[in-house]
């Protein structure tokens, strides 16, 4: 089981944590939502929760709850710029389908 960040994603996360003035890493998860069934949840972690699974990639700690991990195991998080748009992109090997906007997926 593993989650990883590209160098671009790690740099963006570190820069954001520095600008926030607090944070110990990135929290990733999923929730039931969207037209395909599941949606990614991402926020900055300020503390460790008891049930957290903790990974480290590119010097950034990634915190995931066990229920979400089964859906995002093996995912690589990238930070991309396409034209005028920029943001995080989840490269999830478990995804069977996703909606056209890329906001939701199913496994």
N, C-alpha and C. Protein backbone atom coordinates (compact mmCIF):
# COMPACT_ATOMS: atom_id res chain seq x y z
N UNK A 1 0.84 -1.18 0.00
CA UNK A 1 0.00 0.00 0.00
C UNK A 1 0.88 1.24 0.00
N UNK A 2 0.55 2.17 -0.87
CA UNK A 2 1.35 3.38 -0.93
C UNK A 2 0.62 4.48 -1.67
N UNK A 3 0.94 5.69 -1.31
CA UNK A 3 0.49 6.89 -2.01
C UNK A 3 1.73 7.72 -2.27
N UNK A 4 1.72 8.46 -3.38
CA UNK A 4 2.92 9.24 -3.69
C UNK A 4 2.55 10.59 -4.29
N UNK A 5 3.53 11.49 -4.24
CA UNK A 5 3.41 12.82 -4.82
C UNK A 5 4.49 12.98 -5.87
N UNK A 6 4.18 13.65 -6.95
CA UNK A 6 5.23 14.03 -7.89
C UNK A 6 6.02 15.17 -7.26
N UNK A 7 7.14 15.48 -7.84
CA UNK A 7 7.95 16.58 -7.33
C UNK A 7 7.18 17.90 -7.37
N UNK A 8 6.44 18.14 -8.47
CA UNK A 8 5.65 19.37 -8.59
C UNK A 8 4.59 19.46 -7.50
N UNK A 9 3.91 18.35 -7.23
CA UNK A 9 2.87 18.34 -6.19
C UNK A 9 3.49 18.59 -4.82
N UNK A 10 4.60 17.93 -4.54
CA UNK A 10 5.26 18.09 -3.24
C UNK A 10 5.72 19.54 -3.04
N UNK A 11 6.27 20.13 -4.08
CA UNK A 11 6.71 21.53 -3.98
C UNK A 11 5.53 22.45 -3.69
N UNK A 12 4.40 22.21 -4.36
CA UNK A 12 3.21 23.05 -4.15
C UNK A 12 2.68 22.87 -2.73
N UNK A 13 2.63 21.63 -2.26
CA UNK A 13 2.15 21.37 -0.89
C UNK A 13 3.06 22.05 0.12
N UNK A 14 4.37 21.90 -0.03
CA UNK A 14 5.31 22.51 0.91
C UNK A 14 5.18 24.03 0.92
N UNK A 15 5.04 24.62 -0.25
CA UNK A 15 4.89 26.06 -0.36
C UNK A 15 3.61 26.52 0.34
N UNK A 16 2.54 25.78 0.16
CA UNK A 16 1.26 26.14 0.78
C UNK A 16 1.33 26.00 2.29
N UNK A 17 1.93 24.93 2.79
CA UNK A 17 2.09 24.76 4.24
C UNK A 17 2.91 25.90 4.82
N UNK A 18 3.97 26.27 4.14
CA UNK A 18 4.81 27.39 4.59
C UNK A 18 4.00 28.68 4.64
N UNK A 19 3.22 28.94 3.60
CA UNK A 19 2.40 30.15 3.54
C UNK A 19 1.30 30.16 4.61
N UNK A 20 0.77 28.97 4.93
CA UNK A 20 -0.26 28.85 5.98
C UNK A 20 0.33 29.14 7.35
N UNK A 21 1.61 28.81 7.51
CA UNK A 21 2.26 29.00 8.81
C UNK A 21 2.05 27.85 9.76
N UNK A 22 1.40 26.79 9.30
CA UNK A 22 1.19 25.60 10.12
C UNK A 22 0.84 24.43 9.21
N UNK A 23 0.94 23.23 9.76
CA UNK A 23 0.59 22.02 9.01
C UNK A 23 1.69 21.00 9.10
N UNK A 24 1.28 19.74 9.14
CA UNK A 24 2.23 18.63 9.24
C UNK A 24 2.22 17.77 7.98
N UNK A 25 1.33 18.07 7.05
CA UNK A 25 1.27 17.28 5.83
C UNK A 25 -0.06 17.45 5.12
N UNK A 26 -0.38 16.45 4.32
CA UNK A 26 -1.56 16.48 3.47
C UNK A 26 -2.48 15.32 3.84
N UNK A 27 -3.77 15.60 3.99
CA UNK A 27 -4.75 14.55 4.28
C UNK A 27 -5.55 14.26 3.01
N UNK A 28 -5.55 13.00 2.60
CA UNK A 28 -6.31 12.57 1.41
C UNK A 28 -7.38 11.58 1.83
N UNK A 29 -8.49 11.60 1.11
CA UNK A 29 -9.57 10.66 1.37
C UNK A 29 -10.57 10.67 0.24
N UNK A 30 -11.66 9.95 0.45
CA UNK A 30 -12.76 9.94 -0.52
C UNK A 30 -14.07 10.08 0.23
N UNK A 31 -15.08 10.54 -0.49
CA UNK A 31 -16.43 10.60 0.05
C UNK A 31 -17.39 10.20 -1.06
N UNK A 32 -18.57 9.77 -0.68
CA UNK A 32 -19.60 9.44 -1.66
C UNK A 32 -20.15 10.74 -2.20
N UNK A 33 -20.04 10.90 -3.53
CA UNK A 33 -20.46 12.15 -4.14
C UNK A 33 -20.33 12.07 -5.65
N UNK A 34 -20.83 13.07 -6.32
CA UNK A 34 -20.62 13.22 -7.75
C UNK A 34 -21.43 12.25 -8.58
N UNK A 35 -21.28 12.38 -9.88
CA UNK A 35 -22.07 11.57 -10.80
C UNK A 35 -21.50 10.17 -11.00
N UNK A 36 -20.24 9.93 -10.58
CA UNK A 36 -19.65 8.60 -10.74
C UNK A 36 -19.56 7.82 -9.44
N UNK A 37 -19.94 8.43 -8.32
CA UNK A 37 -20.02 7.69 -7.07
C UNK A 37 -19.09 8.13 -5.96
N UNK A 38 -17.83 8.42 -6.25
CA UNK A 38 -16.85 8.79 -5.23
C UNK A 38 -16.17 10.10 -5.65
N UNK A 39 -15.79 10.90 -4.68
CA UNK A 39 -15.04 12.13 -4.95
C UNK A 39 -13.85 12.20 -4.01
N UNK A 40 -12.78 12.75 -4.49
CA UNK A 40 -11.58 12.92 -3.68
C UNK A 40 -11.77 14.05 -2.68
N UNK A 41 -11.17 13.88 -1.51
CA UNK A 41 -11.15 14.91 -0.49
C UNK A 41 -9.68 15.17 -0.16
N UNK A 42 -9.30 16.44 -0.15
CA UNK A 42 -7.92 16.79 0.14
C UNK A 42 -7.92 18.03 1.02
N UNK A 43 -7.13 17.97 2.10
CA UNK A 43 -6.98 19.12 2.99
C UNK A 43 -5.62 19.05 3.65
N UNK A 44 -5.22 20.13 4.24
CA UNK A 44 -3.94 20.13 4.93
C UNK A 44 -4.15 19.61 6.34
N UNK A 45 -3.25 18.76 6.78
CA UNK A 45 -3.35 18.15 8.10
C UNK A 45 -2.57 18.97 9.12
N UNK A 46 -3.23 19.24 10.24
CA UNK A 46 -2.58 19.96 11.33
C UNK A 46 -2.30 19.05 12.51
N UNK A 47 -2.90 17.85 12.50
CA UNK A 47 -2.66 16.88 13.57
C UNK A 47 -2.86 15.47 13.02
N UNK A 48 -2.35 14.50 13.74
CA UNK A 48 -2.50 13.09 13.37
C UNK A 48 -3.74 12.56 14.07
N UNK A 49 -4.63 11.93 13.31
CA UNK A 49 -5.78 11.24 13.90
C UNK A 49 -5.37 9.82 14.24
N UNK A 50 -5.99 9.26 15.26
CA UNK A 50 -5.62 7.94 15.76
C UNK A 50 -5.64 6.85 14.68
N UNK A 51 -6.61 6.90 13.79
CA UNK A 51 -6.77 5.85 12.77
C UNK A 51 -5.96 6.10 11.50
N UNK A 52 -5.26 7.21 11.41
CA UNK A 52 -4.53 7.56 10.19
C UNK A 52 -3.50 6.52 9.77
N UNK A 53 -3.46 6.25 8.49
CA UNK A 53 -2.35 5.54 7.86
C UNK A 53 -1.44 6.64 7.35
N UNK A 54 -0.15 6.56 7.60
CA UNK A 54 0.76 7.64 7.26
C UNK A 54 1.78 7.16 6.23
N UNK A 55 1.91 7.92 5.16
CA UNK A 55 2.87 7.66 4.10
C UNK A 55 3.75 8.90 3.98
N UNK A 56 4.92 8.73 3.38
CA UNK A 56 5.76 9.88 3.11
C UNK A 56 6.26 9.79 1.68
N UNK A 57 6.19 10.91 0.97
CA UNK A 57 6.64 10.97 -0.41
C UNK A 57 7.24 12.34 -0.66
N UNK A 58 8.42 12.38 -1.24
CA UNK A 58 9.08 13.64 -1.58
C UNK A 58 9.20 14.55 -0.36
N UNK A 59 9.34 13.95 0.84
CA UNK A 59 9.48 14.72 2.07
C UNK A 59 8.18 15.23 2.66
N UNK A 60 7.03 14.87 2.08
CA UNK A 60 5.71 15.30 2.56
C UNK A 60 4.99 14.10 3.18
N UNK A 61 4.44 14.30 4.37
CA UNK A 61 3.64 13.25 5.00
C UNK A 61 2.22 13.30 4.44
N UNK A 62 1.69 12.11 4.14
CA UNK A 62 0.34 11.97 3.60
C UNK A 62 -0.46 11.13 4.59
N UNK A 63 -1.59 11.65 5.06
CA UNK A 63 -2.43 10.99 6.04
C UNK A 63 -3.72 10.53 5.36
N UNK A 64 -4.08 9.26 5.59
CA UNK A 64 -5.27 8.68 4.95
C UNK A 64 -5.99 7.81 5.97
N UNK A 65 -7.33 7.92 6.01
CA UNK A 65 -8.10 7.03 6.87
C UNK A 65 -8.21 5.67 6.19
N UNK A 66 -8.28 4.59 6.97
CA UNK A 66 -8.29 3.23 6.40
C UNK A 66 -9.43 2.96 5.41
N UNK A 67 -10.60 3.56 5.62
CA UNK A 67 -11.74 3.33 4.71
C UNK A 67 -11.47 3.93 3.34
N UNK A 68 -10.80 5.07 3.29
CA UNK A 68 -10.47 5.70 2.01
C UNK A 68 -9.34 4.99 1.30
N UNK A 69 -8.41 4.43 2.07
CA UNK A 69 -7.21 3.85 1.49
C UNK A 69 -7.52 2.75 0.48
N UNK A 70 -8.56 1.98 0.71
CA UNK A 70 -8.86 0.89 -0.23
C UNK A 70 -9.23 1.42 -1.62
N UNK A 71 -9.72 2.67 -1.69
CA UNK A 71 -10.10 3.26 -2.97
C UNK A 71 -8.96 4.03 -3.65
N UNK A 72 -7.99 4.48 -2.87
CA UNK A 72 -6.93 5.33 -3.44
C UNK A 72 -5.53 4.73 -3.31
N UNK A 73 -5.44 3.48 -2.86
CA UNK A 73 -4.13 2.84 -2.75
C UNK A 73 -3.42 2.84 -4.11
N UNK A 74 -2.18 3.25 -4.12
CA UNK A 74 -1.40 3.30 -5.36
C UNK A 74 -1.52 4.61 -6.12
N UNK A 75 -2.30 5.55 -5.61
CA UNK A 75 -2.53 6.82 -6.29
C UNK A 75 -1.29 7.72 -6.23
N UNK A 76 -1.02 8.38 -7.35
CA UNK A 76 0.01 9.40 -7.41
C UNK A 76 -0.70 10.74 -7.58
N UNK A 77 -0.34 11.69 -6.75
CA UNK A 77 -0.91 13.03 -6.82
C UNK A 77 0.07 13.94 -7.54
N UNK A 78 -0.40 14.59 -8.60
CA UNK A 78 0.43 15.48 -9.39
C UNK A 78 -0.16 16.89 -9.31
N UNK A 79 0.64 17.88 -9.64
CA UNK A 79 0.16 19.26 -9.74
C UNK A 79 0.43 19.71 -11.16
N UNK A 80 -0.64 20.01 -11.89
CA UNK A 80 -0.50 20.28 -13.32
C UNK A 80 -1.05 21.65 -13.68
N UNK A 81 -0.48 22.19 -14.76
CA UNK A 81 -0.97 23.43 -15.36
C UNK A 81 -1.35 23.11 -16.80
N UNK A 82 -2.58 23.43 -17.15
CA UNK A 82 -3.05 23.23 -18.51
C UNK A 82 -3.71 24.52 -18.96
N UNK A 83 -3.03 25.26 -19.80
CA UNK A 83 -3.55 26.56 -20.23
C UNK A 83 -3.61 27.50 -19.04
N UNK A 84 -4.79 28.05 -18.80
CA UNK A 84 -4.98 28.97 -17.68
C UNK A 84 -5.34 28.26 -16.39
N UNK A 85 -5.57 26.95 -16.45
CA UNK A 85 -5.99 26.18 -15.29
C UNK A 85 -4.79 25.48 -14.64
N UNK A 86 -4.84 25.38 -13.32
CA UNK A 86 -3.83 24.61 -12.60
C UNK A 86 -4.48 23.99 -11.39
N UNK A 87 -3.95 22.84 -10.97
CA UNK A 87 -4.48 22.18 -9.80
C UNK A 87 -3.95 20.77 -9.66
N UNK A 88 -4.41 20.11 -8.61
CA UNK A 88 -3.98 18.74 -8.35
C UNK A 88 -4.71 17.76 -9.25
N UNK A 89 -4.00 16.74 -9.65
CA UNK A 89 -4.55 15.68 -10.49
C UNK A 89 -4.25 14.35 -9.81
N UNK A 90 -5.29 13.54 -9.61
CA UNK A 90 -5.15 12.23 -8.99
C UNK A 90 -4.96 11.19 -10.09
N UNK A 91 -3.83 10.50 -10.06
CA UNK A 91 -3.57 9.40 -10.99
C UNK A 91 -3.79 8.10 -10.21
N UNK A 92 -5.04 7.63 -10.24
CA UNK A 92 -5.48 6.50 -9.42
C UNK A 92 -5.61 5.25 -10.28
N UNK A 93 -4.77 4.23 -10.04
CA UNK A 93 -4.83 3.00 -10.84
C UNK A 93 -6.09 2.17 -10.59
N UNK A 94 -6.85 2.48 -9.55
CA UNK A 94 -8.05 1.73 -9.21
C UNK A 94 -9.30 2.23 -9.92
N UNK A 95 -9.22 3.40 -10.54
CA UNK A 95 -10.38 4.02 -11.18
C UNK A 95 -10.81 3.23 -12.41
N UNK A 96 -12.09 2.87 -12.44
CA UNK A 96 -12.64 2.19 -13.61
C UNK A 96 -13.33 3.20 -14.54
N UNK A 97 -14.02 4.18 -13.95
CA UNK A 97 -14.71 5.23 -14.70
C UNK A 97 -14.61 6.53 -13.93
N UNK A 98 -14.65 7.64 -14.65
CA UNK A 98 -14.72 8.94 -14.00
C UNK A 98 -15.66 9.82 -14.81
N UNK A 99 -16.16 10.86 -14.16
CA UNK A 99 -17.08 11.75 -14.86
C UNK A 99 -16.29 12.67 -15.79
N UNK A 100 -16.97 13.33 -16.67
CA UNK A 100 -16.32 14.19 -17.65
C UNK A 100 -15.56 15.35 -17.04
N UNK A 101 -16.00 15.83 -15.90
CA UNK A 101 -15.32 16.98 -15.27
C UNK A 101 -14.13 16.53 -14.42
N UNK A 102 -14.01 15.23 -14.17
CA UNK A 102 -12.89 14.72 -13.39
C UNK A 102 -13.06 14.87 -11.90
N UNK A 103 -14.23 15.26 -11.44
CA UNK A 103 -14.46 15.46 -10.00
C UNK A 103 -14.82 14.19 -9.27
N UNK A 104 -15.35 13.18 -9.96
CA UNK A 104 -15.75 11.95 -9.29
C UNK A 104 -15.32 10.74 -10.10
N UNK A 105 -15.32 9.58 -9.41
CA UNK A 105 -14.85 8.34 -10.03
C UNK A 105 -15.54 7.15 -9.37
N UNK A 106 -15.35 5.98 -9.97
CA UNK A 106 -15.77 4.75 -9.30
C UNK A 106 -14.71 3.68 -9.53
N UNK A 107 -14.73 2.69 -8.63
CA UNK A 107 -13.74 1.60 -8.70
C UNK A 107 -14.43 0.28 -8.86
